[in-house]
Amino acid sequence: MTPVPPRWFKSSYSGNDDADCVEAAIFQRPRPTIHIRDSKNPAGSRLAFTHEAWSEFLPFAEGR
């Protein structure tokens, strides 16, 4: 069985000019995690969150 690559989504808070774009994807294996990356550098560093950590991170990020 060939693994399906995750589908990346652009943040709704990113501008239309693609200057400051954040993308997110849900990786299912080995356990579900949410990854975020800079769309200008998709091969670069990423942040990975468990669902619990993501739930705590969102209110923090929304306040920025």
C-alpha atoms as a PDB file:
ATOM      1  CA  MET A   1       0.000   0.000   0.000  1.00  0.00           C
ATOM      2  CA  THR A   2       1.445   3.373  -1.045  1.00  0.00           C
ATOM      3  CA  PRO A   3       1.121   6.097   1.598  1.00  0.00           C
ATOM      4  CA  VAL A   4      -0.874   9.142   0.560  1.00  0.00           C
ATOM      5  CA  PRO A   5       1.092  12.369   1.020  1.00  0.00           C
ATOM      6  CA  PRO A   6      -0.567  14.933   3.270  1.00  0.00           C
ATOM      7  CA  ARG A   7      -2.508  17.761   1.665  1.00  0.00           C
ATOM      8  CA  TRP A   8      -1.270  21.192   2.678  1.00  0.00           C
ATOM      9  CA  PHE A   9      -3.745  24.016   3.282  1.00  0.00           C
ATOM     10  CA  LYS A  10      -2.981  27.725   3.177  1.00  0.00           C
ATOM     11  CA  SER A  11      -3.937  29.624   6.296  1.00  0.00           C
ATOM     12  CA  SER A  12      -7.036  31.793   5.963  1.00  0.00           C
ATOM     13  CA  TYR A  13      -5.017  34.526   7.697  1.00  0.00           C
ATOM     14  CA  SER A  14      -2.353  34.581   4.978  1.00  0.00           C
ATOM     15  CA  GLY A  15      -2.480  37.475   2.544  1.00  0.00           C
ATOM     16  CA  ASN A  16      -3.420  37.144  -1.115  1.00  0.00           C
ATOM     17  CA  ASP A  17       0.025  38.275  -2.273  1.00  0.00           C
ATOM     18  CA  ASP A  18       1.684  35.101  -0.901  1.00  0.00           C
ATOM     19  CA  ALA A  19       4.254  37.199   0.962  1.00  0.00           C
ATOM     20  CA  ASP A  20       3.409  35.800   4.421  1.00  0.00           C
ATOM     21  CA  CYS A  21       1.901  32.378   3.880  1.00  0.00           C
ATOM     22  CA  VAL A  22       1.563  29.665   6.449  1.00  0.00           C
ATOM     23  CA  GLU A  23       0.412  26.200   5.417  1.00  0.00           C
ATOM     24  CA  ALA A  24      -0.866  23.367   7.584  1.00  0.00           C
ATOM     25  CA  ALA A  25      -1.327  19.640   7.030  1.00  0.00           C
ATOM     26  CA  ILE A  26      -2.471  16.697   9.124  1.00  0.00           C
ATOM     27  CA  PHE A  27      -0.124  13.731   9.159  1.00  0.00           C
ATOM     28  CA  GLN A  28      -1.871  10.514  10.188  1.00  0.00           C
ATOM     29  CA  ARG A  29       1.149   8.295  10.902  1.00  0.00           C
ATOM     30  CA  PRO A  30       2.779   7.230  13.088  1.00  0.00           C
ATOM     31  CA  ARG A  31       0.227   9.180  15.147  1.00  0.00           C
ATOM     32  CA  PRO A  32      -1.910  12.143  14.081  1.00  0.00           C
ATOM     33  CA  THR A  33       0.000  15.421  14.183  1.00  0.00           C
ATOM     34  CA  ILE A  34      -0.594  18.855  12.698  1.00  0.00           C
ATOM     35  CA  HIS A  35       2.351  20.351  10.836  1.00  0.00           C
ATOM     36  CA  ILE A  36       2.829  23.970   9.819  1.00  0.00           C
ATOM     37  CA  ARG A  37       5.390  25.394   7.405  1.00  0.00           C
ATOM     38  CA  ASP A  38       6.322  28.509   5.442  1.00  0.00           C
ATOM     39  CA  SER A  39       4.867  28.132   1.937  1.00  0.00           C
ATOM     40  CA  LYS A  40       7.860  29.977   0.446  1.00  0.00           C
ATOM     41  CA  ASN A  41      10.152  27.241   1.759  1.00  0.00           C
ATOM     42  CA  PRO A  42       8.181  23.954   1.747  1.00  0.00           C
ATOM     43  CA  ALA A  43      11.316  21.851   2.245  1.00  0.00           C
ATOM     44  CA  GLY A  44      12.411  23.942   5.217  1.00  0.00           C
ATOM     45  CA  SER A  45      11.710  23.609   8.904  1.00  0.00           C
ATOM     46  CA  ARG A  46       8.262  22.702  10.197  1.00  0.00           C
ATOM     47  CA  LEU A  47       6.507  22.786  13.502  1.00  0.00           C
ATOM     48  CA  ALA A  48       4.613  19.652  14.510  1.00  0.00           C
ATOM     49  CA  PHE A  49       1.849  19.576  17.116  1.00  0.00           C
ATOM     50  CA  THR A  50      -0.197  16.840  18.725  1.00  0.00           C
ATOM     51  CA  HIS A  51      -3.926  17.572  18.704  1.00  0.00           C
ATOM     52  CA  GLU A  52      -3.707  18.530  22.369  1.00  0.00           C
ATOM     53  CA  ALA A  53      -0.806  20.929  21.819  1.00  0.00           C
ATOM     54  CA  TRP A  54      -2.524  22.427  18.742  1.00  0.00           C
ATOM     55  CA  SER A  55      -5.630  23.143  20.836  1.00  0.00           C
ATOM     56  CA  GLU A  56      -3.457  25.052  23.305  1.00  0.00           C
ATOM     57  CA  PHE A  57      -1.418  26.810  20.608  1.00  0.00           C
ATOM     58  CA  LEU A  58      -4.371  28.260  18.648  1.00  0.00           C
ATOM     59  CA  PRO A  59      -5.640  30.651  21.328  1.00  0.00           C
ATOM     60  CA  PHE A  60      -2.062  31.848  21.846  1.00  0.00           C
ATOM     61  CA  ALA A  61      -1.527  32.449  18.103  1.00  0.00           C
ATOM     62  CA  GLU A  62      -4.901  34.155  17.650  1.00  0.00           C
ATOM     63  CA  GLY A  63      -3.902  36.736  20.251  1.00  0.00           C
ATOM     64  CA  ARG A  64      -0.847  37.788  18.209  1.00  0.00           C
END
